[in-house]
Amino acid sequence: MTITGPDPLTAARPDEPAAKTRRLQLSGGAPADARAGEVATREPKTISADDLAAKALEVMEAWAISGLIVVDADRRPIGVIHMHDILRAKIV
């Protein structure tokens, strides 16, 4: 399976909050008093709870990220899967 989409570094328009957050991260980080909501990804990548862990790793690699929000059938978040969770479980 091939996952396609826009380049995650340039996908957002420069004036959108996601682009501003990304520029902040790339420029060396946020100030120590920044709130979580100010630096959070506005539209995080998700994966269905029914998808295979190997698919989660493919998505992470495609977007150069280390974690995904796991969602239920109604797209409500139910957890987080991190690349290290998959590697630790020796799934791939």
Protein backbone atom coordinates (compact mmCIF):
# COMPACT_ATOMS: atom_id res chain seq x y z
CA MET A 1 0.00 0.00 0.00
CA THR A 2 1.29 3.46 -0.85
CA ILE A 3 0.22 6.47 1.14
CA THR A 4 0.23 9.68 -0.81
CA GLY A 5 -0.47 13.25 0.05
CA PRO A 6 1.07 16.66 0.20
CA ASP A 7 4.46 17.18 1.72
CA PRO A 8 3.77 17.60 5.47
CA LEU A 9 6.27 20.46 5.72
CA THR A 10 4.61 22.52 3.02
CA ALA A 11 1.01 21.24 3.04
CA ALA A 12 -0.43 24.16 4.99
CA ARG A 13 -0.66 27.67 3.62
CA PRO A 14 1.85 30.01 5.31
CA ASP A 15 -0.90 31.92 7.14
CA GLU A 16 -2.63 28.82 8.59
CA PRO A 17 -2.08 27.88 12.25
CA ALA A 18 -0.54 24.52 11.30
CA ALA A 19 2.12 26.26 9.21
CA LYS A 20 2.83 28.71 12.00
CA THR A 21 3.22 25.86 14.49
CA ARG A 22 5.55 24.02 12.12
CA ARG A 23 7.69 27.12 11.58
CA LEU A 24 7.87 27.61 15.35
CA GLN A 25 9.06 24.03 15.81
CA LEU A 26 11.63 24.29 13.03
CA SER A 27 12.98 27.58 14.33
CA GLY A 28 14.09 26.08 17.60
CA GLY A 29 10.92 25.65 19.60
CA ALA A 30 8.43 27.58 21.61
CA PRO A 31 9.09 29.73 24.64
CA ALA A 32 8.98 27.93 27.98
CA ASP A 33 5.65 29.55 28.86
CA ALA A 34 3.86 28.44 25.66
CA ARG A 35 0.57 26.64 26.22
CA ALA A 36 0.03 23.15 24.84
CA GLY A 37 -2.72 24.41 22.56
CA GLU A 38 -0.38 26.96 21.04
CA VAL A 39 2.09 24.36 19.84
CA ALA A 40 -0.25 21.42 19.24
CA THR A 41 -0.81 20.06 15.77
CA ARG A 42 -4.25 21.29 14.71
CA GLU A 43 -5.09 18.33 12.47
CA PRO A 44 -3.02 15.39 13.69
CA LYS A 45 -2.72 12.27 11.60
CA THR A 46 -5.04 9.49 12.75
CA ILE A 47 -5.43 5.77 12.28
CA SER A 48 -8.40 3.50 12.91
CA ALA A 49 -8.26 1.19 15.90
CA ASP A 50 -8.93 -1.68 13.47
CA ASP A 51 -5.91 -0.96 11.25
CA LEU A 52 -2.77 -3.04 11.55
CA ALA A 53 0.19 -1.67 13.48
CA ALA A 54 2.29 -2.13 10.33
CA LYS A 55 -0.01 0.34 8.54
CA ALA A 56 0.50 2.80 11.40
CA LEU A 57 4.24 2.56 10.86
CA GLU A 58 3.80 3.16 7.12
CA VAL A 59 1.81 6.32 7.82
CA MET A 60 4.41 7.54 10.32
CA GLU A 61 7.21 6.95 7.84
CA ALA A 62 5.31 8.63 5.00
CA TRP A 63 4.71 11.78 7.05
CA ALA A 64 8.02 11.70 8.98
CA ILE A 65 6.20 11.62 12.32
CA SER A 66 6.60 9.37 15.33
CA GLY A 67 3.04 8.98 16.57
CA LEU A 68 -0.60 8.79 15.55
CA ILE A 69 -3.91 9.36 17.27
CA VAL A 70 -5.94 6.13 17.30
CA VAL A 71 -9.64 6.74 16.60
CA ASP A 72 -12.79 4.65 16.88
CA ALA A 73 -15.42 4.16 14.16
CA ASP A 74 -16.89 7.58 14.98
CA ARG A 75 -13.43 9.19 14.65
CA ARG A 76 -13.25 9.89 18.39
CA PRO A 77 -9.74 9.61 19.84
CA ILE A 78 -9.23 6.53 21.95
CA GLY A 79 -5.46 6.48 22.28
CA VAL A 80 -2.05 7.20 20.86
CA ILE A 81 0.35 4.84 19.13
CA HIS A 82 4.01 5.76 19.00
CA MET A 83 6.65 4.34 16.68
CA HIS A 84 8.52 3.01 19.69
CA ASP A 85 5.41 1.08 20.81
CA ILE A 86 5.49 -0.81 17.51
CA LEU A 87 9.22 -1.41 17.61
CA ARG A 88 9.12 -2.48 21.27
CA ALA A 89 6.40 -5.04 20.44
CA LYS A 90 8.65 -6.35 17.64
CA ILE A 91 5.78 -6.19 15.17
CA VAL A 92 8.04 -5.12 12.32
